[in-house]
Amino acid sequence: MKGFLSPKSPIPTFQKLSVLTFRQVSRFWVRTLLYHHPYSLDSQKVRLALEEKGIDYTSFHVNPITGKNMDSSFFRMNPSAKLPVFKNGSHIILFNTIQIIQYIERIALVSSDGGNITLSSGQVVEWMNKIQEWNPKFFTLSHVPEKYRLFVSKFIRRVVIARMAESPDLASDYHHKLRDEYNTEEELRNPEVLEQSEEHLVRLLDEVEIKLSETSYLVGEEFTMADVMLIPVLARLALLNLEDEYINSRPNVAEYWNVVQQRPGYKKVIGRYFNGWRRYKTLLKTWCFVRLRSLLRRY
């Protein structure tokens, strides 16, 4: 994964992208690369958008639990080490989930050559932002058994330190990530942080329940990018074995969840990794990797 961007290559901001003509977007459409992982909620959102829009892309798995997002090649491209990272051609690189999805819509519109594809309406974008405002990080970690969570956290810190020694020119950015890891553990000990995260989720799901009592999907009778944003949230609750408490207790959400799981995009992006016995295979593979590397002290 070398040579992501030339030092002289201009990286258009999303503000610039938003005013590009469709011809300009098409000019950049050379090769679409996505750096992601099934564990990443935002990665799932972007992959669902790509699948729903029928966009071809090259997939690179970057497992955050094994610390692959801390490798210097990836870290130079994205010092936040967050997933996903979307790259189109040699000039366009995006990190923000909603911006990526809106860019994907533009690609789909160009490739449709005046077909029935349209960009998301204001109402769809409003729902996209509303869903994205909920950060699943603390909610998810608070439902992972403490012994596993602490073991992985310690492993990640050692990975960061090892990468820092290998790439001293990135020491400042790696120090920042190390502080983030310690801050996360500290915040997880704060009941208020966890309570706020859960309350935010409950408010969101209650609003979704009301909306789904009126329409089949979040914004009307057609599947939209708002649904793309919501599906991974419900999938995360199912993965944490919290369906009864948060999904099945809301009849409209439960019915919606059953419907969207039948979509080919869901089956490819989420179902193949986390439905039924597959979740244990996915999680066990990662856990064995972390345990073995820790045992061998190879970070």
C-alpha atoms as a PDB file:
ATOM      1  CA  MET A   1       0.000   0.000   0.000  1.00  0.00           C
ATOM      2  CA  LYS A   2       2.642   2.507  -1.062  1.00  0.00           C
ATOM      3  CA  GLY A   3       2.326   5.731  -2.929  1.00  0.00           C
ATOM      4  CA  PHE A   4      -1.231   6.642  -1.972  1.00  0.00           C
ATOM      5  CA  LEU A   5      -0.689  10.279  -2.890  1.00  0.00           C
ATOM      6  CA  SER A   6       2.173  12.173  -4.409  1.00  0.00           C
ATOM      7  CA  PRO A   7       3.319  15.047  -2.165  1.00  0.00           C
ATOM      8  CA  LYS A   8       2.472  17.385  -5.033  1.00  0.00           C
ATOM      9  CA  SER A   9      -0.952  15.935  -5.687  1.00  0.00           C
ATOM     10  CA  PRO A  10      -3.746  18.366  -4.783  1.00  0.00           C
ATOM     11  CA  ILE A  11      -6.407  16.836  -2.570  1.00  0.00           C
ATOM     12  CA  PRO A  12      -9.757  18.509  -3.279  1.00  0.00           C
ATOM     13  CA  THR A  13     -11.748  19.372  -0.192  1.00  0.00           C
ATOM     14  CA  PHE A  14     -15.380  18.305  -0.028  1.00  0.00           C
ATOM     15  CA  GLN A  15     -16.377  21.946  -0.501  1.00  0.00           C
ATOM     16  CA  LYS A  16     -14.617  21.827  -3.859  1.00  0.00           C
ATOM     17  CA  LEU A  17     -16.116  18.449  -4.677  1.00  0.00           C
ATOM     18  CA  SER A  18     -19.616  19.698  -4.014  1.00  0.00           C
ATOM     19  CA  VAL A  19     -19.387  22.210  -6.856  1.00  0.00           C
ATOM     20  CA  LEU A  20     -17.612  19.974  -9.371  1.00  0.00           C
ATOM     21  CA  THR A  21     -19.481  19.457 -12.609  1.00  0.00           C
ATOM     22  CA  PHE A  22     -20.456  15.907 -13.425  1.00  0.00           C
ATOM     23  CA  ARG A  23     -17.883  15.945 -16.239  1.00  0.00           C
ATOM     24  CA  GLN A  24     -15.179  16.801 -13.711  1.00  0.00           C
ATOM     25  CA  VAL A  25     -16.329  14.013 -11.408  1.00  0.00           C
ATOM     26  CA  SER A  26     -16.211  11.611 -14.343  1.00  0.00           C
ATOM     27  CA  ARG A  27     -12.657  12.731 -15.157  1.00  0.00           C
ATOM     28  CA  PHE A  28     -11.542  11.700 -11.644  1.00  0.00           C
ATOM     29  CA  TRP A  29     -13.344   8.375 -11.911  1.00  0.00           C
ATOM     30  CA  VAL A  30     -10.383   6.180 -12.735  1.00  0.00           C
ATOM     31  CA  ARG A  31     -10.163   3.575 -10.003  1.00  0.00           C
ATOM     32  CA  THR A  32     -12.144   3.485  -6.799  1.00  0.00           C
ATOM     33  CA  LEU A  33     -10.347   2.151  -3.724  1.00  0.00           C
ATOM     34  CA  LEU A  34     -11.931   1.567  -0.337  1.00  0.00           C
ATOM     35  CA  TYR A  35      -9.917   0.886   2.822  1.00  0.00           C
ATOM     36  CA  HIS A  36     -12.357  -0.581   5.313  1.00  0.00           C
ATOM     37  CA  HIS A  37     -13.243  -3.456   7.617  1.00  0.00           C
ATOM     38  CA  PRO A  38     -16.483  -5.270   8.536  1.00  0.00           C
ATOM     39  CA  TYR A  39     -15.976  -4.279  12.200  1.00  0.00           C
ATOM     40  CA  SER A  40     -16.243  -0.596  11.279  1.00  0.00           C
ATOM     41  CA  LEU A  41     -19.790   0.778  11.327  1.00  0.00           C
ATOM     42  CA  ASP A  42     -18.902   3.619   8.971  1.00  0.00           C
ATOM     43  CA  SER A  43     -17.198   1.155   6.632  1.00  0.00           C
ATOM     44  CA  GLN A  44     -20.437  -0.812   6.459  1.00  0.00           C
ATOM     45  CA  LYS A  45     -22.365   2.346   5.563  1.00  0.00           C
ATOM     46  CA  VAL A  46     -20.039   3.207   2.693  1.00  0.00           C
ATOM     47  CA  ARG A  47     -19.892  -0.356   1.371  1.00  0.00           C
ATOM     48  CA  LEU A  48     -23.681  -0.568   1.428  1.00  0.00           C
ATOM     49  CA  ALA A  49     -23.846   2.648  -0.590  1.00  0.00           C
ATOM     50  CA  LEU A  50     -21.391   1.248  -3.143  1.00  0.00           C
ATOM     51  CA  GLU A  51     -23.343  -1.998  -3.447  1.00  0.00           C
ATOM     52  CA  GLU A  52     -26.735  -0.299  -3.671  1.00  0.00           C
ATOM     53  CA  LYS A  53     -25.450   2.038  -6.386  1.00  0.00           C
ATOM     54  CA  GLY A  54     -23.683  -0.754  -8.243  1.00  0.00           C
ATOM     55  CA  ILE A  55     -20.271   0.930  -8.180  1.00  0.00           C
ATOM     56  CA  ASP A  56     -17.220  -1.260  -8.802  1.00  0.00           C
ATOM     57  CA  TYR A  57     -14.393  -0.758  -6.328  1.00  0.00           C
ATOM     58  CA  THR A  58     -11.207  -2.360  -5.092  1.00  0.00           C
ATOM     59  CA  SER A  59     -11.476  -3.480  -1.472  1.00  0.00           C
ATOM     60  CA  PHE A  60      -8.672  -3.378   1.098  1.00  0.00           C
ATOM     61  CA  HIS A  61      -9.361  -4.853   4.553  1.00  0.00           C
ATOM     62  CA  VAL A  62      -7.708  -2.876   7.351  1.00  0.00           C
ATOM     63  CA  ASN A  63      -8.533  -4.565  10.665  1.00  0.00           C
ATOM     64  CA  PRO A  64      -8.591  -1.950  13.466  1.00  0.00           C
ATOM     65  CA  ILE A  65      -8.640  -4.577  16.226  1.00  0.00           C
ATOM     66  CA  THR A  66      -5.353  -6.080  15.043  1.00  0.00           C
ATOM     67  CA  GLY A  67      -3.908  -2.589  14.616  1.00  0.00           C
ATOM     68  CA  LYS A  68      -3.540  -2.712  10.827  1.00  0.00           C
ATOM     69  CA  ASN A  69      -4.830   0.857  10.650  1.00  0.00           C
ATOM     70  CA  MET A  70      -1.686   1.861  12.552  1.00  0.00           C
ATOM     71  CA  ASP A  71       0.677   0.632   9.820  1.00  0.00           C
ATOM     72  CA  SER A  72       2.764   3.553   8.604  1.00  0.00           C
ATOM     73  CA  SER A  73       1.593   3.199   4.987  1.00  0.00           C
ATOM     74  CA  PHE A  74      -2.029   3.681   6.049  1.00  0.00           C
ATOM     75  CA  PHE A  75      -1.195   6.160   8.803  1.00  0.00           C
ATOM     76  CA  ARG A  76       0.576   8.505   6.391  1.00  0.00           C
ATOM     77  CA  MET A  77      -2.561   8.643   4.302  1.00  0.00           C
ATOM     78  CA  ASN A  78      -4.888   9.086   7.279  1.00  0.00           C
ATOM     79  CA  PRO A  79      -3.259  10.073  10.627  1.00  0.00           C
ATOM     80  CA  SER A  80      -6.612   9.723  12.394  1.00  0.00           C
ATOM     81  CA  ALA A  81      -6.366   5.971  11.586  1.00  0.00           C
ATOM     82  CA  LYS A  82     -10.153   5.914  11.245  1.00  0.00           C
ATOM     83  CA  LEU A  83     -12.075   3.857   8.716  1.00  0.00           C
ATOM     84  CA  PRO A  84     -13.176   3.990   6.013  1.00  0.00           C
ATOM     85  CA  VAL A  85     -10.904   5.806   3.584  1.00  0.00           C
ATOM     86  CA  PHE A  86     -12.216   6.339   0.057  1.00  0.00           C
ATOM     87  CA  LYS A  87      -9.875   7.034  -2.823  1.00  0.00           C
ATOM     88  CA  ASN A  88     -10.950   7.758  -6.390  1.00  0.00           C
ATOM     89  CA  GLY A  89      -8.218   8.123  -8.975  1.00  0.00           C
ATOM     90  CA  SER A  90      -5.008   9.803  -7.873  1.00  0.00           C
ATOM     91  CA  HIS A  91      -6.469  13.057  -6.590  1.00  0.00           C
ATOM     92  CA  ILE A  92      -9.637  12.399  -4.588  1.00  0.00           C
ATOM     93  CA  ILE A  93      -9.362  11.080  -1.050  1.00  0.00           C
ATOM     94  CA  LEU A  94     -12.184  11.300   1.492  1.00  0.00           C
ATOM     95  CA  PHE A  95     -12.572  10.256   5.134  1.00  0.00           C
ATOM     96  CA  ASN A  96     -15.999  11.617   6.119  1.00  0.00           C
ATOM     97  CA  THR A  97     -18.717   8.975   5.768  1.00  0.00           C
ATOM     98  CA  ILE A  98     -21.500  11.225   4.512  1.00  0.00           C
ATOM     99  CA  GLN A  99     -19.187  13.028   2.110  1.00  0.00           C
ATOM    100  CA  ILE A 100     -18.072   9.676   0.709  1.00  0.00           C
ATOM    101  CA  ILE A 101     -21.662   8.525   0.201  1.00  0.00           C
ATOM    102  CA  GLN A 102     -22.623  11.780  -1.503  1.00  0.00           C
ATOM    103  CA  TYR A 103     -19.612  11.428  -3.785  1.00  0.00           C
ATOM    104  CA  ILE A 104     -20.661   7.852  -4.589  1.00  0.00           C
ATOM    105  CA  GLU A 105     -24.074   9.203  -5.577  1.00  0.00           C
ATOM    106  CA  ARG A 106     -22.391  11.592  -8.005  1.00  0.00           C
ATOM    107  CA  ILE A 107     -20.428   8.745  -9.572  1.00  0.00           C
ATOM    108  CA  ALA A 108     -23.652   6.728  -9.935  1.00  0.00           C
ATOM    109  CA  LEU A 109     -25.395   9.702 -11.527  1.00  0.00           C
ATOM    110  CA  VAL A 110     -22.597  10.185 -14.060  1.00  0.00           C
ATOM    111  CA  SER A 111     -22.487   6.482 -14.921  1.00  0.00           C
ATOM    112  CA  SER A 112     -26.276   6.355 -15.390  1.00  0.00           C
ATOM    113  CA  ASP A 113     -25.957   8.787 -18.328  1.00  0.00           C
ATOM    114  CA  GLY A 114     -29.195  10.578 -17.546  1.00  0.00           C
ATOM    115  CA  GLY A 115     -31.070   7.568 -16.188  1.00  0.00           C
ATOM    116  CA  ASN A 116     -33.471   7.482 -13.246  1.00  0.00           C
ATOM    117  CA  ILE A 117     -30.767   7.967 -10.599  1.00  0.00           C
ATOM    118  CA  THR A 118     -31.005  11.176  -8.570  1.00  0.00           C
ATOM    119  CA  LEU A 119     -29.056  12.694  -5.709  1.00  0.00           C
ATOM    120  CA  SER A 120     -30.395  12.443  -2.158  1.00  0.00           C
ATOM    121  CA  SER A 121     -33.089  14.923  -1.227  1.00  0.00           C
ATOM    122  CA  GLY A 122     -32.758  17.357   1.655  1.00  0.00           C
ATOM    123  CA  GLN A 123     -34.899  15.096   3.837  1.00  0.00           C
ATOM    124  CA  VAL A 124     -32.664  12.108   3.131  1.00  0.00           C
ATOM    125  CA  VAL A 125     -29.527  14.109   3.941  1.00  0.00           C
ATOM    126  CA  GLU A 126     -31.166  15.325   7.150  1.00  0.00           C
ATOM    127  CA  TRP A 127     -31.730  11.729   8.258  1.00  0.00           C
ATOM    128  CA  MET A 128     -28.212  10.761   7.221  1.00  0.00           C
ATOM    129  CA  ASN A 129     -26.772  13.459   9.457  1.00  0.00           C
ATOM    130  CA  LYS A 130     -29.127  12.588  12.301  1.00  0.00           C
ATOM    131  CA  ILE A 131     -28.018   8.943  12.281  1.00  0.00           C
ATOM    132  CA  GLN A 132     -24.349   9.854  11.912  1.00  0.00           C
ATOM    133  CA  GLU A 133     -24.519  12.060  15.010  1.00  0.00           C
ATOM    134  CA  TRP A 134     -24.734   8.948  17.185  1.00  0.00           C
ATOM    135  CA  ASN A 135     -21.228   7.665  17.893  1.00  0.00           C
ATOM    136  CA  PRO A 136     -21.335   3.888  18.493  1.00  0.00           C
ATOM    137  CA  LYS A 137     -17.852   3.741  20.017  1.00  0.00           C
ATOM    138  CA  PHE A 138     -18.607   3.895  23.736  1.00  0.00           C
ATOM    139  CA  PHE A 139     -21.897   2.020  23.477  1.00  0.00           C
ATOM    140  CA  THR A 140     -20.191  -0.840  21.643  1.00  0.00           C
ATOM    141  CA  LEU A 141     -17.156  -1.036  23.921  1.00  0.00           C
ATOM    142  CA  SER A 142     -19.319  -0.922  27.047  1.00  0.00           C
ATOM    143  CA  HIS A 143     -21.041  -4.129  25.890  1.00  0.00           C
ATOM    144  CA  VAL A 144     -17.814  -6.015  25.218  1.00  0.00           C
ATOM    145  CA  PRO A 145     -16.674  -8.171  28.189  1.00  0.00           C
ATOM    146  CA  GLU A 146     -14.120  -6.135  30.107  1.00  0.00           C
ATOM    147  CA  LYS A 147     -11.342  -8.745  30.031  1.00  0.00           C
ATOM    148  CA  TYR A 148     -11.433  -8.898  26.223  1.00  0.00           C
ATOM    149  CA  ARG A 149     -11.733  -5.145  25.834  1.00  0.00           C
ATOM    150  CA  LEU A 150      -8.766  -4.430  28.103  1.00  0.00           C
ATOM    151  CA  PHE A 151      -6.656  -7.113  26.435  1.00  0.00           C
ATOM    152  CA  VAL A 152      -7.260  -5.647  22.966  1.00  0.00           C
ATOM    153  CA  SER A 153      -6.724  -2.097  24.219  1.00  0.00           C
ATOM    154  CA  LYS A 154      -3.343  -3.075  25.663  1.00  0.00           C
ATOM    155  CA  PHE A 155      -2.440  -4.824  22.404  1.00  0.00           C
ATOM    156  CA  ILE A 156      -3.330  -1.735  20.338  1.00  0.00           C
ATOM    157  CA  ARG A 157      -1.209   0.512  22.562  1.00  0.00           C
ATOM    158  CA  ARG A 158       1.767  -1.787  22.042  1.00  0.00           C
ATOM    159  CA  VAL A 159       1.152  -1.762  18.291  1.00  0.00           C
ATOM    160  CA  VAL A 160       1.176   2.049  18.298  1.00  0.00           C
ATOM    161  CA  ILE A 161       4.442   2.125  20.259  1.00  0.00           C
ATOM    162  CA  ALA A 162       6.011  -0.406  17.866  1.00  0.00           C
ATOM    163  CA  ARG A 163       4.935   1.587  14.789  1.00  0.00           C
ATOM    164  CA  MET A 164       6.235   4.768  16.414  1.00  0.00           C
ATOM    165  CA  ALA A 165       9.678   3.197  16.781  1.00  0.00           C
ATOM    166  CA  GLU A 166       9.627   2.118  13.139  1.00  0.00           C
ATOM    167  CA  SER A 167       8.555   5.542  11.823  1.00  0.00           C
ATOM    168  CA  PRO A 168       9.981   8.284  14.067  1.00  0.00           C
ATOM    169  CA  ASP A 169       8.873  10.957  11.582  1.00  0.00           C
ATOM    170  CA  LEU A 170       5.282  10.073  12.533  1.00  0.00           C
ATOM    171  CA  ALA A 171       5.966  10.095  16.281  1.00  0.00           C
ATOM    172  CA  SER A 172       3.770  13.121  16.976  1.00  0.00           C
ATOM    173  CA  ASP A 173       0.725  11.580  15.281  1.00  0.00           C
ATOM    174  CA  TYR A 174       1.324   8.227  16.959  1.00  0.00           C
ATOM    175  CA  HIS A 175       1.567   9.952  20.351  1.00  0.00           C
ATOM    176  CA  HIS A 176      -1.806  11.485  19.665  1.00  0.00           C
ATOM    177  CA  LYS A 177      -3.311   8.061  18.944  1.00  0.00           C
ATOM    178  CA  LEU A 178      -1.747   6.683  22.110  1.00  0.00           C
ATOM    179  CA  ARG A 179      -3.413   9.439  24.130  1.00  0.00           C
ATOM    180  CA  ASP A 180      -6.692   8.612  22.416  1.00  0.00           C
ATOM    181  CA  GLU A 181      -6.450   5.005  23.581  1.00  0.00           C
ATOM    182  CA  TYR A 182      -5.852   6.032  27.195  1.00  0.00           C
ATOM    183  CA  ASN A 183      -8.628   8.637  27.023  1.00  0.00           C
ATOM    184  CA  THR A 184     -11.055   6.033  25.712  1.00  0.00           C
ATOM    185  CA  GLU A 185     -10.392   3.753  28.679  1.00  0.00           C
ATOM    186  CA  GLU A 186     -10.856   6.673  31.049  1.00  0.00           C
ATOM    187  CA  GLU A 187     -14.153   7.716  29.481  1.00  0.00           C
ATOM    188  CA  LEU A 188     -15.448   4.156  29.613  1.00  0.00           C
ATOM    189  CA  ARG A 189     -15.159   4.371  33.394  1.00  0.00           C
ATOM    190  CA  ASN A 190     -17.425   7.426  33.384  1.00  0.00           C
ATOM    191  CA  PRO A 191     -21.095   6.352  33.792  1.00  0.00           C
ATOM    192  CA  GLU A 192     -22.296   9.661  32.354  1.00  0.00           C
ATOM    193  CA  VAL A 193     -20.548   9.046  29.035  1.00  0.00           C
ATOM    194  CA  LEU A 194     -22.165   5.629  28.668  1.00  0.00           C
ATOM    195  CA  GLU A 195     -25.557   6.925  29.767  1.00  0.00           C
ATOM    196  CA  GLN A 196     -25.464   9.771  27.251  1.00  0.00           C
ATOM    197  CA  SER A 197     -24.553   7.387  24.442  1.00  0.00           C
ATOM    198  CA  GLU A 198     -27.436   5.052  25.265  1.00  0.00           C
ATOM    199  CA  GLU A 199     -29.921   7.898  25.648  1.00  0.00           C
ATOM    200  CA  HIS A 200     -28.899   9.271  22.271  1.00  0.00           C
ATOM    201  CA  LEU A 201     -29.435   5.851  20.688  1.00  0.00           C
ATOM    202  CA  VAL A 202     -32.847   5.423  22.318  1.00  0.00           C
ATOM    203  CA  ARG A 203     -34.004   8.849  21.100  1.00  0.00           C
ATOM    204  CA  LEU A 204     -32.873   8.001  17.595  1.00  0.00           C
ATOM    205  CA  LEU A 205     -34.611   4.610  17.556  1.00  0.00           C
ATOM    206  CA  ASP A 206     -37.810   6.093  18.987  1.00  0.00           C
ATOM    207  CA  GLU A 207     -37.853   8.654  16.191  1.00  0.00           C
ATOM    208  CA  VAL A 208     -37.185   5.933  13.630  1.00  0.00           C
ATOM    209  CA  GLU A 209     -40.056   3.875  15.073  1.00  0.00           C
ATOM    210  CA  ILE A 210     -42.469   6.771  14.607  1.00  0.00           C
ATOM    211  CA  LYS A 211     -41.273   7.416  11.066  1.00  0.00           C
ATOM    212  CA  LEU A 212     -41.565   3.755  10.084  1.00  0.00           C
ATOM    213  CA  SER A 213     -45.165   3.714  11.292  1.00  0.00           C
ATOM    214  CA  GLU A 214     -45.902   6.063   8.381  1.00  0.00           C
ATOM    215  CA  THR A 215     -43.653   4.747   5.593  1.00  0.00           C
ATOM    216  CA  SER A 216     -41.938   1.507   4.560  1.00  0.00           C
ATOM    217  CA  TYR A 217     -38.502   3.107   4.636  1.00  0.00           C
ATOM    218  CA  LEU A 218     -37.041   6.075   6.462  1.00  0.00           C
ATOM    219  CA  VAL A 219     -37.921   8.606   3.781  1.00  0.00           C
ATOM    220  CA  GLY A 220     -40.960   7.303   1.938  1.00  0.00           C
ATOM    221  CA  GLU A 221     -41.657   4.068   0.114  1.00  0.00           C
ATOM    222  CA  GLU A 222     -38.297   3.844  -1.627  1.00  0.00           C
ATOM    223  CA  PHE A 223     -34.963   2.684  -0.188  1.00  0.00           C
ATOM    224  CA  THR A 224     -32.549   5.624   0.145  1.00  0.00           C
ATOM    225  CA  MET A 225     -29.126   6.488   1.505  1.00  0.00           C
ATOM    226  CA  ALA A 226     -30.836   7.246   4.825  1.00  0.00           C
ATOM    227  CA  ASP A 227     -31.569   3.520   5.091  1.00  0.00           C
ATOM    228  CA  VAL A 228     -27.955   2.778   4.171  1.00  0.00           C
ATOM    229  CA  MET A 229     -26.950   4.788   7.245  1.00  0.00           C
ATOM    230  CA  LEU A 230     -29.446   3.067   9.559  1.00  0.00           C
ATOM    231  CA  ILE A 231     -28.931  -0.592   8.660  1.00  0.00           C
ATOM    232  CA  PRO A 232     -25.411  -0.886  10.183  1.00  0.00           C
ATOM    233  CA  VAL A 233     -26.699   0.620  13.438  1.00  0.00           C
ATOM    234  CA  LEU A 234     -29.314  -2.123  13.708  1.00  0.00           C
ATOM    235  CA  ALA A 235     -26.732  -4.718  12.683  1.00  0.00           C
ATOM    236  CA  ARG A 236     -24.445  -3.561  15.494  1.00  0.00           C
ATOM    237  CA  LEU A 237     -27.251  -4.018  18.031  1.00  0.00           C
ATOM    238  CA  ALA A 238     -27.880  -7.517  16.683  1.00  0.00           C
ATOM    239  CA  LEU A 239     -24.166  -8.358  16.893  1.00  0.00           C
ATOM    240  CA  LEU A 240     -24.153  -7.293  20.548  1.00  0.00           C
ATOM    241  CA  ASN A 241     -27.186  -9.544  21.212  1.00  0.00           C
ATOM    242  CA  LEU A 242     -29.334  -6.511  22.007  1.00  0.00           C
ATOM    243  CA  GLU A 243     -32.097  -7.098  19.453  1.00  0.00           C
ATOM    244  CA  ASP A 244     -34.823  -7.759  22.017  1.00  0.00           C
ATOM    245  CA  GLU A 245     -34.116  -4.605  23.984  1.00  0.00           C
ATOM    246  CA  TYR A 246     -33.626  -2.136  21.157  1.00  0.00           C
ATOM    247  CA  ILE A 247     -35.149  -3.624  17.979  1.00  0.00           C
ATOM    248  CA  ASN A 248     -37.866  -6.157  18.795  1.00  0.00           C
ATOM    249  CA  SER A 249     -39.335  -3.836  21.424  1.00  0.00           C
ATOM    250  CA  ARG A 250     -40.203  -1.465  18.556  1.00  0.00           C
ATOM    251  CA  PRO A 251     -42.585  -3.303  16.169  1.00  0.00           C
ATOM    252  CA  ASN A 252     -42.025  -1.075  13.146  1.00  0.00           C
ATOM    253  CA  VAL A 253     -38.248  -1.156  13.528  1.00  0.00           C
ATOM    254  CA  ALA A 254     -38.383  -4.952  13.940  1.00  0.00           C
ATOM    255  CA  GLU A 255     -40.413  -5.370  10.738  1.00  0.00           C
ATOM    256  CA  TYR A 256     -38.100  -3.010   8.872  1.00  0.00           C
ATOM    257  CA  TRP A 257     -35.049  -4.915  10.133  1.00  0.00           C
ATOM    258  CA  ASN A 258     -36.441  -8.203   8.825  1.00  0.00           C
ATOM    259  CA  VAL A 259     -37.060  -6.637   5.407  1.00  0.00           C
ATOM    260  CA  VAL A 260     -33.688  -4.945   4.902  1.00  0.00           C
ATOM    261  CA  GLN A 261     -31.781  -8.089   5.859  1.00  0.00           C
ATOM    262  CA  GLN A 262     -33.077  -9.628   2.628  1.00  0.00           C
ATOM    263  CA  ARG A 263     -31.346  -7.049   0.442  1.00  0.00           C
ATOM    264  CA  PRO A 264     -28.352  -8.371  -1.549  1.00  0.00           C
ATOM    265  CA  GLY A 265     -26.235  -5.449  -0.333  1.00  0.00           C
ATOM    266  CA  TYR A 266     -26.840  -6.350   3.314  1.00  0.00           C
ATOM    267  CA  LYS A 267     -26.003 -10.003   2.711  1.00  0.00           C
ATOM    268  CA  LYS A 268     -22.723  -9.117   1.008  1.00  0.00           C
ATOM    269  CA  VAL A 269     -21.580  -6.335   3.344  1.00  0.00           C
ATOM    270  CA  ILE A 270     -22.815  -7.521   6.751  1.00  0.00           C
ATOM    271  CA  GLY A 271     -24.564 -10.882   6.588  1.00  0.00           C
ATOM    272  CA  ARG A 272     -21.588 -12.826   5.244  1.00  0.00           C
ATOM    273  CA  TYR A 273     -19.557 -11.790   8.295  1.00  0.00           C
ATOM    274  CA  PHE A 274     -22.050 -11.609  11.144  1.00  0.00           C
ATOM    275  CA  ASN A 275     -25.217 -13.613  10.429  1.00  0.00           C
ATOM    276  CA  GLY A 276     -25.623 -16.709  12.589  1.00  0.00           C
ATOM    277  CA  TRP A 277     -22.463 -18.800  13.047  1.00  0.00           C
ATOM    278  CA  ARG A 278     -20.472 -16.465  10.810  1.00  0.00           C
ATOM    279  CA  ARG A 279     -20.127 -13.926  13.596  1.00  0.00           C
ATOM    280  CA  TYR A 280     -18.205 -16.433  15.702  1.00  0.00           C
ATOM    281  CA  LYS A 281     -15.894 -17.270  12.808  1.00  0.00           C
ATOM    282  CA  THR A 282     -15.179 -13.583  12.164  1.00  0.00           C
ATOM    283  CA  LEU A 283     -14.584 -12.727  15.814  1.00  0.00           C
ATOM    284  CA  LEU A 284     -12.594 -15.892  16.601  1.00  0.00           C
ATOM    285  CA  LYS A 285     -10.231 -15.294  13.702  1.00  0.00           C
ATOM    286  CA  THR A 286      -9.387 -11.822  14.995  1.00  0.00           C
ATOM    287  CA  TRP A 287      -9.124 -12.928  18.619  1.00  0.00           C
ATOM    288  CA  CYS A 288      -6.708 -15.747  17.753  1.00  0.00           C
ATOM    289  CA  PHE A 289      -4.551 -13.317  15.778  1.00  0.00           C
ATOM    290  CA  VAL A 290      -4.348 -10.864  18.678  1.00  0.00           C
ATOM    291  CA  ARG A 291      -3.613 -13.610  21.223  1.00  0.00           C
ATOM    292  CA  LEU A 292      -0.879 -15.165  19.081  1.00  0.00           C
ATOM    293  CA  ARG A 293       0.838 -11.860  18.318  1.00  0.00           C
ATOM    294  CA  SER A 294       0.707 -10.939  22.001  1.00  0.00           C
ATOM    295  CA  LEU A 295       2.161 -14.294  23.004  1.00  0.00           C
ATOM    296  CA  LEU A 296       5.008 -13.909  20.508  1.00  0.00           C
ATOM    297  CA  ARG A 297       5.373 -10.206  21.357  1.00  0.00           C
ATOM    298  CA  ARG A 298       5.171  -9.379  17.687  1.00  0.00           C
ATOM    299  CA  TYR A 299       3.320  -6.130  17.368  1.00  0.00           C
END
